[in-house]
Amino acid sequence: MSITLWIVQGLLALLFLGLGLMKLTLPLDDPAMTMGLPVLFIRFIGLAEVLGAVGLILPALLKVRTGLVSLAAAGLALVTAGATVFHLANADGFAVAAFPLVVTLLSGFVAYGRWQLAPHGQPASKHVEARI
């Protein structure tokens, strides 16, 4: 389970790092880029995505405050759940809202997995024994 979580964490970190940097660096002069949202709000979301991407990987690699991984994943799940609701409310269609919905589910999987199933810094056998 830990290997699966690491793979999903890595892919999510790459995705959010790319999306966040794009929102922070690209010029948002075109209204189509902001989808009717204020530019500062788009920049804030970009910053949250970059920090979330760092939070998915860095605490586990440094073995410092590893519980932050599940919190970062939960925060990113909230961001993408908001994106899903936004796209559905704007009548963009389910096809547009499907991608953030899948990312929300994957982020939720990492949040729950690193909180309950395979927390960092705890041997798998010890965690299983504690649940029995």
N, C-alpha and C. Protein backbone atom coordinates (compact mmCIF):
# COMPACT_ATOMS: atom_id res chain seq x y z
N MET A 1 0.83 -1.19 0.00
CA MET A 1 0.00 0.00 0.00
C MET A 1 0.87 1.26 0.00
N SER A 2 1.99 1.19 0.72
CA SER A 2 2.86 2.35 0.81
C SER A 2 3.43 2.73 -0.56
N ILE A 3 3.77 1.74 -1.37
CA ILE A 3 4.32 2.03 -2.70
C ILE A 3 3.27 2.70 -3.57
N THR A 4 2.04 2.21 -3.52
CA THR A 4 0.95 2.82 -4.28
C THR A 4 0.74 4.27 -3.85
N LEU A 5 0.75 4.49 -2.55
CA LEU A 5 0.58 5.86 -2.04
C LEU A 5 1.72 6.77 -2.50
N TRP A 6 2.95 6.25 -2.48
CA TRP A 6 4.08 7.05 -2.95
C TRP A 6 3.93 7.42 -4.42
N ILE A 7 3.48 6.48 -5.24
CA ILE A 7 3.31 6.75 -6.67
C ILE A 7 2.24 7.83 -6.87
N VAL A 8 1.10 7.67 -6.20
CA VAL A 8 0.03 8.66 -6.33
C VAL A 8 0.49 10.01 -5.79
N GLN A 9 1.20 10.02 -4.65
CA GLN A 9 1.72 11.27 -4.09
C GLN A 9 2.64 11.97 -5.09
N GLY A 10 3.53 11.22 -5.69
CA GLY A 10 4.47 11.80 -6.66
C GLY A 10 3.76 12.38 -7.88
N LEU A 11 2.81 11.64 -8.41
CA LEU A 11 2.07 12.13 -9.57
C LEU A 11 1.25 13.37 -9.24
N LEU A 12 0.59 13.35 -8.07
CA LEU A 12 -0.17 14.52 -7.65
C LEU A 12 0.75 15.72 -7.42
N ALA A 13 1.90 15.48 -6.82
CA ALA A 13 2.84 16.58 -6.58
C ALA A 13 3.28 17.21 -7.90
N LEU A 14 3.59 16.38 -8.89
CA LEU A 14 3.98 16.92 -10.21
C LEU A 14 2.83 17.70 -10.84
N LEU A 15 1.64 17.15 -10.77
CA LEU A 15 0.47 17.81 -11.35
C LEU A 15 0.23 19.17 -10.69
N PHE A 16 0.18 19.18 -9.36
CA PHE A 16 -0.11 20.44 -8.66
C PHE A 16 1.03 21.44 -8.78
N LEU A 17 2.25 20.97 -8.83
CA LEU A 17 3.38 21.88 -9.03
C LEU A 17 3.27 22.57 -10.39
N GLY A 18 2.97 21.79 -11.41
CA GLY A 18 2.82 22.36 -12.75
C GLY A 18 1.64 23.32 -12.85
N LEU A 19 0.50 22.91 -12.34
CA LEU A 19 -0.69 23.77 -12.39
C LEU A 19 -0.49 25.04 -11.57
N GLY A 20 0.11 24.89 -10.39
CA GLY A 20 0.32 26.04 -9.53
C GLY A 20 1.30 27.03 -10.12
N LEU A 21 2.41 26.53 -10.66
CA LEU A 21 3.39 27.43 -11.27
C LEU A 21 2.80 28.13 -12.48
N MET A 22 1.95 27.44 -13.23
CA MET A 22 1.30 28.06 -14.37
C MET A 22 0.41 29.22 -13.92
N LYS A 23 -0.35 29.00 -12.85
CA LYS A 23 -1.24 30.05 -12.35
C LYS A 23 -0.46 31.21 -11.74
N LEU A 24 0.73 30.94 -11.25
CA LEU A 24 1.55 32.01 -10.64
C LEU A 24 2.34 32.80 -11.66
N THR A 25 2.71 32.20 -12.78
CA THR A 25 3.65 32.85 -13.69
C THR A 25 3.04 33.36 -14.99
N LEU A 26 1.99 32.71 -15.49
CA LEU A 26 1.43 33.14 -16.77
C LEU A 26 0.67 34.45 -16.62
N PRO A 27 0.72 35.29 -17.66
CA PRO A 27 -0.08 36.51 -17.60
C PRO A 27 -1.57 36.15 -17.69
N LEU A 28 -2.36 36.74 -16.81
CA LEU A 28 -3.78 36.42 -16.75
C LEU A 28 -4.61 37.58 -17.29
N ASP A 29 -4.16 38.18 -18.40
CA ASP A 29 -4.88 39.29 -18.99
C ASP A 29 -6.14 38.83 -19.72
N ASP A 30 -6.10 37.64 -20.26
CA ASP A 30 -7.24 37.11 -21.01
C ASP A 30 -8.32 36.62 -20.05
N PRO A 31 -9.55 37.11 -20.19
CA PRO A 31 -10.63 36.64 -19.29
C PRO A 31 -10.87 35.13 -19.36
N ALA A 32 -10.55 34.52 -20.49
CA ALA A 32 -10.72 33.07 -20.60
C ALA A 32 -9.77 32.32 -19.67
N MET A 33 -8.62 32.92 -19.38
CA MET A 33 -7.66 32.29 -18.47
C MET A 33 -8.16 32.31 -17.03
N THR A 34 -8.88 33.34 -16.65
CA THR A 34 -9.34 33.46 -15.26
C THR A 34 -10.73 32.89 -15.05
N MET A 35 -11.44 32.59 -16.13
CA MET A 35 -12.79 32.02 -16.05
C MET A 35 -13.72 32.88 -15.22
N GLY A 36 -13.51 34.19 -15.27
CA GLY A 36 -14.38 35.11 -14.55
C GLY A 36 -14.01 35.30 -13.09
N LEU A 37 -12.93 34.70 -12.64
CA LEU A 37 -12.48 34.85 -11.25
C LEU A 37 -11.47 35.97 -11.15
N PRO A 38 -11.37 36.62 -10.00
CA PRO A 38 -10.35 37.67 -9.83
C PRO A 38 -8.93 37.10 -9.97
N VAL A 39 -8.06 37.90 -10.55
CA VAL A 39 -6.68 37.46 -10.80
C VAL A 39 -5.98 37.10 -9.49
N LEU A 40 -6.18 37.88 -8.44
CA LEU A 40 -5.54 37.58 -7.16
C LEU A 40 -6.01 36.24 -6.60
N PHE A 41 -7.26 35.90 -6.83
CA PHE A 41 -7.77 34.60 -6.37
C PHE A 41 -7.10 33.47 -7.14
N ILE A 42 -6.91 33.64 -8.44
CA ILE A 42 -6.21 32.63 -9.25
C ILE A 42 -4.77 32.47 -8.76
N ARG A 43 -4.12 33.57 -8.45
CA ARG A 43 -2.73 33.51 -7.92
C ARG A 43 -2.71 32.81 -6.56
N PHE A 44 -3.70 33.09 -5.72
CA PHE A 44 -3.79 32.42 -4.42
C PHE A 44 -3.96 30.91 -4.59
N ILE A 45 -4.81 30.50 -5.51
CA ILE A 45 -4.99 29.07 -5.77
C ILE A 45 -3.68 28.46 -6.26
N GLY A 46 -2.97 29.18 -7.12
CA GLY A 46 -1.68 28.70 -7.61
C GLY A 46 -0.68 28.52 -6.48
N LEU A 47 -0.63 29.47 -5.57
CA LEU A 47 0.26 29.36 -4.41
C LEU A 47 -0.12 28.18 -3.53
N ALA A 48 -1.43 27.99 -3.31
CA ALA A 48 -1.90 26.86 -2.51
C ALA A 48 -1.52 25.54 -3.18
N GLU A 49 -1.61 25.48 -4.50
CA GLU A 49 -1.25 24.24 -5.20
C GLU A 49 0.25 23.95 -5.11
N VAL A 50 1.06 24.97 -5.24
CA VAL A 50 2.52 24.76 -5.13
C VAL A 50 2.89 24.32 -3.71
N LEU A 51 2.34 25.00 -2.72
CA LEU A 51 2.64 24.61 -1.33
C LEU A 51 2.11 23.22 -1.02
N GLY A 52 0.95 22.88 -1.56
CA GLY A 52 0.41 21.54 -1.37
C GLY A 52 1.28 20.48 -2.01
N ALA A 53 1.82 20.77 -3.19
CA ALA A 53 2.72 19.83 -3.87
C ALA A 53 3.97 19.59 -3.03
N VAL A 54 4.51 20.65 -2.47
CA VAL A 54 5.68 20.52 -1.59
C VAL A 54 5.30 19.72 -0.35
N GLY A 55 4.12 19.97 0.19
CA GLY A 55 3.67 19.27 1.40
C GLY A 55 3.38 17.80 1.18
N LEU A 56 3.14 17.40 -0.06
CA LEU A 56 2.92 15.98 -0.35
C LEU A 56 4.21 15.17 -0.27
N ILE A 57 5.34 15.82 -0.55
CA ILE A 57 6.60 15.08 -0.69
C ILE A 57 7.61 15.40 0.41
N LEU A 58 7.83 16.68 0.66
CA LEU A 58 8.94 17.10 1.52
C LEU A 58 8.91 16.54 2.94
N PRO A 59 7.78 16.58 3.66
CA PRO A 59 7.82 16.05 5.03
C PRO A 59 8.18 14.56 5.07
N ALA A 60 7.70 13.80 4.10
CA ALA A 60 8.01 12.37 4.08
C ALA A 60 9.48 12.11 3.75
N LEU A 61 10.02 12.89 2.83
CA LEU A 61 11.43 12.71 2.46
C LEU A 61 12.36 13.09 3.60
N LEU A 62 12.03 14.18 4.30
CA LEU A 62 12.87 14.65 5.39
C LEU A 62 12.57 13.95 6.71
N LYS A 63 11.47 13.19 6.73
CA LYS A 63 11.03 12.50 7.95
C LYS A 63 10.84 13.47 9.11
N VAL A 64 10.26 14.62 8.79
CA VAL A 64 9.96 15.65 9.77
C VAL A 64 8.49 16.01 9.63
N ARG A 65 7.75 15.90 10.73
CA ARG A 65 6.32 16.22 10.72
C ARG A 65 5.59 15.53 9.57
N THR A 66 5.72 14.23 9.52
CA THR A 66 5.15 13.45 8.42
C THR A 66 3.63 13.49 8.38
N GLY A 67 3.00 13.86 9.46
CA GLY A 67 1.56 14.00 9.45
C GLY A 67 1.06 15.12 8.55
N LEU A 68 1.96 16.01 8.17
CA LEU A 68 1.58 17.10 7.27
C LEU A 68 1.24 16.60 5.87
N VAL A 69 1.72 15.40 5.51
CA VAL A 69 1.42 14.86 4.19
C VAL A 69 -0.07 14.66 4.02
N SER A 70 -0.71 14.06 5.02
CA SER A 70 -2.15 13.83 4.91
C SER A 70 -2.91 15.15 4.94
N LEU A 71 -2.41 16.13 5.70
CA LEU A 71 -3.07 17.44 5.71
C LEU A 71 -2.93 18.16 4.37
N ALA A 72 -1.76 18.05 3.74
CA ALA A 72 -1.56 18.66 2.43
C ALA A 72 -2.49 18.01 1.40
N ALA A 73 -2.59 16.69 1.45
CA ALA A 73 -3.47 15.99 0.52
C ALA A 73 -4.93 16.37 0.75
N ALA A 74 -5.33 16.51 2.01
CA ALA A 74 -6.70 16.92 2.30
C ALA A 74 -6.96 18.35 1.81
N GLY A 75 -6.00 19.23 1.99
CA GLY A 75 -6.15 20.59 1.50
C GLY A 75 -6.27 20.65 -0.02
N LEU A 76 -5.47 19.85 -0.70
CA LEU A 76 -5.55 19.81 -2.16
C LEU A 76 -6.87 19.18 -2.62
N ALA A 77 -7.38 18.23 -1.84
CA ALA A 77 -8.68 17.65 -2.16
C ALA A 77 -9.77 18.73 -2.07
N LEU A 78 -9.66 19.60 -1.09
CA LEU A 78 -10.63 20.70 -0.96
C LEU A 78 -10.53 21.68 -2.13
N VAL A 79 -9.31 21.98 -2.55
CA VAL A 79 -9.12 22.90 -3.68
C VAL A 79 -9.75 22.31 -4.95
N THR A 80 -9.48 21.04 -5.21
CA THR A 80 -10.01 20.44 -6.43
C THR A 80 -11.50 20.14 -6.33
N ALA A 81 -12.01 19.91 -5.13
CA ALA A 81 -13.46 19.77 -4.97
C ALA A 81 -14.14 21.10 -5.30
N GLY A 82 -13.51 22.19 -4.89
CA GLY A 82 -14.02 23.50 -5.25
C GLY A 82 -14.00 23.73 -6.75
N ALA A 83 -12.95 23.27 -7.40
CA ALA A 83 -12.87 23.39 -8.86
C ALA A 83 -13.97 22.57 -9.53
N THR A 84 -14.25 21.40 -9.00
CA THR A 84 -15.31 20.56 -9.56
C THR A 84 -16.65 21.26 -9.45
N VAL A 85 -16.95 21.79 -8.27
CA VAL A 85 -18.22 22.50 -8.06
C VAL A 85 -18.29 23.73 -8.95
N PHE A 86 -17.18 24.44 -9.08
CA PHE A 86 -17.15 25.64 -9.92
C PHE A 86 -17.50 25.29 -11.37
N HIS A 87 -16.90 24.25 -11.90
CA HIS A 87 -17.16 23.86 -13.29
C HIS A 87 -18.59 23.36 -13.48
N LEU A 88 -19.11 22.65 -12.51
CA LEU A 88 -20.50 22.19 -12.62
C LEU A 88 -21.47 23.37 -12.51
N ALA A 89 -21.18 24.32 -11.64
CA ALA A 89 -22.06 25.48 -11.47
C ALA A 89 -22.05 26.39 -12.69
N ASN A 90 -20.93 26.44 -13.39
CA ASN A 90 -20.83 27.27 -14.59
C ASN A 90 -21.37 26.56 -15.83
N ALA A 91 -21.96 25.42 -15.64
CA ALA A 91 -22.51 24.62 -16.74
C ALA A 91 -21.45 24.31 -17.79
N ASP A 92 -20.22 24.07 -17.33
CA ASP A 92 -19.15 23.68 -18.24
C ASP A 92 -19.32 22.23 -18.70
N GLY A 93 -20.17 21.51 -18.01
CA GLY A 93 -20.40 20.12 -18.37
C GLY A 93 -19.62 19.18 -17.49
N PHE A 94 -20.10 17.96 -17.42
CA PHE A 94 -19.44 16.97 -16.57
C PHE A 94 -18.07 16.58 -17.11
N ALA A 95 -17.90 16.66 -18.43
CA ALA A 95 -16.61 16.29 -19.01
C ALA A 95 -15.49 17.19 -18.49
N VAL A 96 -15.79 18.48 -18.33
CA VAL A 96 -14.78 19.42 -17.81
C VAL A 96 -14.58 19.21 -16.32
N ALA A 97 -15.66 18.89 -15.60
CA ALA A 97 -15.60 18.72 -14.16
C ALA A 97 -15.04 17.35 -13.76
N ALA A 98 -14.96 16.43 -14.70
CA ALA A 98 -14.51 15.07 -14.37
C ALA A 98 -13.04 15.04 -13.93
N PHE A 99 -12.19 15.83 -14.58
CA PHE A 99 -10.77 15.81 -14.22
C PHE A 99 -10.53 16.26 -12.79
N PRO A 100 -11.05 17.44 -12.38
CA PRO A 100 -10.83 17.80 -10.97
C PRO A 100 -11.50 16.84 -10.00
N LEU A 101 -12.58 16.19 -10.42
CA LEU A 101 -13.23 15.21 -9.56
C LEU A 101 -12.31 14.00 -9.32
N VAL A 102 -11.67 13.52 -10.38
CA VAL A 102 -10.74 12.40 -10.24
C VAL A 102 -9.55 12.80 -9.37
N VAL A 103 -9.05 14.01 -9.55
CA VAL A 103 -7.92 14.49 -8.74
C VAL A 103 -8.34 14.63 -7.28
N THR A 104 -9.58 15.05 -7.05
CA THR A 104 -10.11 15.13 -5.69
C THR A 104 -10.12 13.76 -5.03
N LEU A 105 -10.58 12.77 -5.77
CA LEU A 105 -10.63 11.40 -5.22
C LEU A 105 -9.23 10.86 -4.94
N LEU A 106 -8.29 11.13 -5.84
CA LEU A 106 -6.91 10.67 -5.61
C LEU A 106 -6.28 11.38 -4.41
N SER A 107 -6.53 12.67 -4.28
CA SER A 107 -6.01 13.41 -3.13
C SER A 107 -6.63 12.90 -1.83
N GLY A 108 -7.90 12.60 -1.88
CA GLY A 108 -8.57 12.02 -0.71
C GLY A 108 -8.01 10.66 -0.35
N PHE A 109 -7.69 9.88 -1.38
CA PHE A 109 -7.07 8.57 -1.15
C PHE A 109 -5.73 8.72 -0.44
N VAL A 110 -4.92 9.66 -0.88
CA VAL A 110 -3.62 9.90 -0.23
C VAL A 110 -3.82 10.41 1.19
N ALA A 111 -4.76 11.32 1.38
CA ALA A 111 -5.01 11.85 2.73
C ALA A 111 -5.40 10.73 3.68
N TYR A 112 -6.34 9.90 3.28
CA TYR A 112 -6.77 8.80 4.14
C TYR A 112 -5.67 7.75 4.28
N GLY A 113 -5.01 7.45 3.18
CA GLY A 113 -3.96 6.43 3.21
C GLY A 113 -2.81 6.79 4.13
N ARG A 114 -2.39 8.05 4.07
CA ARG A 114 -1.26 8.47 4.93
C ARG A 114 -1.70 8.78 6.34
N TRP A 115 -2.97 8.90 6.57
CA TRP A 115 -3.48 9.14 7.92
C TRP A 115 -3.77 7.82 8.63
N GLN A 116 -4.37 6.85 7.91
CA GLN A 116 -4.83 5.61 8.55
C GLN A 116 -4.14 4.35 8.04
N LEU A 117 -4.00 4.20 6.73
CA LEU A 117 -3.56 2.93 6.16
C LEU A 117 -2.05 2.71 6.28
N ALA A 118 -1.27 3.68 5.87
CA ALA A 118 0.19 3.53 5.88
C ALA A 118 0.85 4.86 6.21
N PRO A 119 0.74 5.30 7.46
CA PRO A 119 1.39 6.58 7.82
C PRO A 119 2.90 6.49 7.67
N HIS A 120 3.52 7.61 7.34
CA HIS A 120 4.98 7.66 7.24
C HIS A 120 5.59 7.51 8.63
N GLY A 121 6.74 6.89 8.67
CA GLY A 121 7.47 6.79 9.92
C GLY A 121 6.97 5.72 10.87
N GLN A 122 6.08 4.88 10.41
CA GLN A 122 5.56 3.82 11.27
C GLN A 122 5.64 2.50 10.50
N PRO A 123 6.27 1.47 11.05
CA PRO A 123 6.33 0.20 10.36
C PRO A 123 4.93 -0.34 10.09
N ALA A 124 4.75 -0.95 8.94
CA ALA A 124 3.44 -1.45 8.54
C ALA A 124 2.91 -2.47 9.53
N SER A 125 3.76 -3.36 10.02
CA SER A 125 3.31 -4.39 10.95
C SER A 125 2.82 -3.79 12.26
N LYS A 126 3.48 -2.73 12.75
CA LYS A 126 3.06 -2.09 13.99
C LYS A 126 1.69 -1.43 13.82
N HIS A 127 1.48 -0.80 12.66
CA HIS A 127 0.20 -0.13 12.42
C HIS A 127 -0.94 -1.17 12.30
N VAL A 128 -0.67 -2.28 11.68
CA VAL A 128 -1.69 -3.33 11.53
C VAL A 128 -2.03 -3.91 12.89
N GLU A 129 -1.02 -4.15 13.74
CA GLU A 129 -1.26 -4.70 15.07
C GLU A 129 -2.08 -3.74 15.91
N ALA A 130 -1.84 -2.44 15.75
CA ALA A 130 -2.57 -1.47 16.55
C ALA A 130 -4.04 -1.41 16.16
N ARG A 131 -4.36 -1.76 14.94
CA ARG A 131 -5.75 -1.72 14.47
C ARG A 131 -6.51 -2.98 14.86
N ILE A 132 -5.82 -4.06 15.19
CA ILE A 132 -6.49 -5.32 15.52
C ILE A 132 -7.00 -5.35 16.91
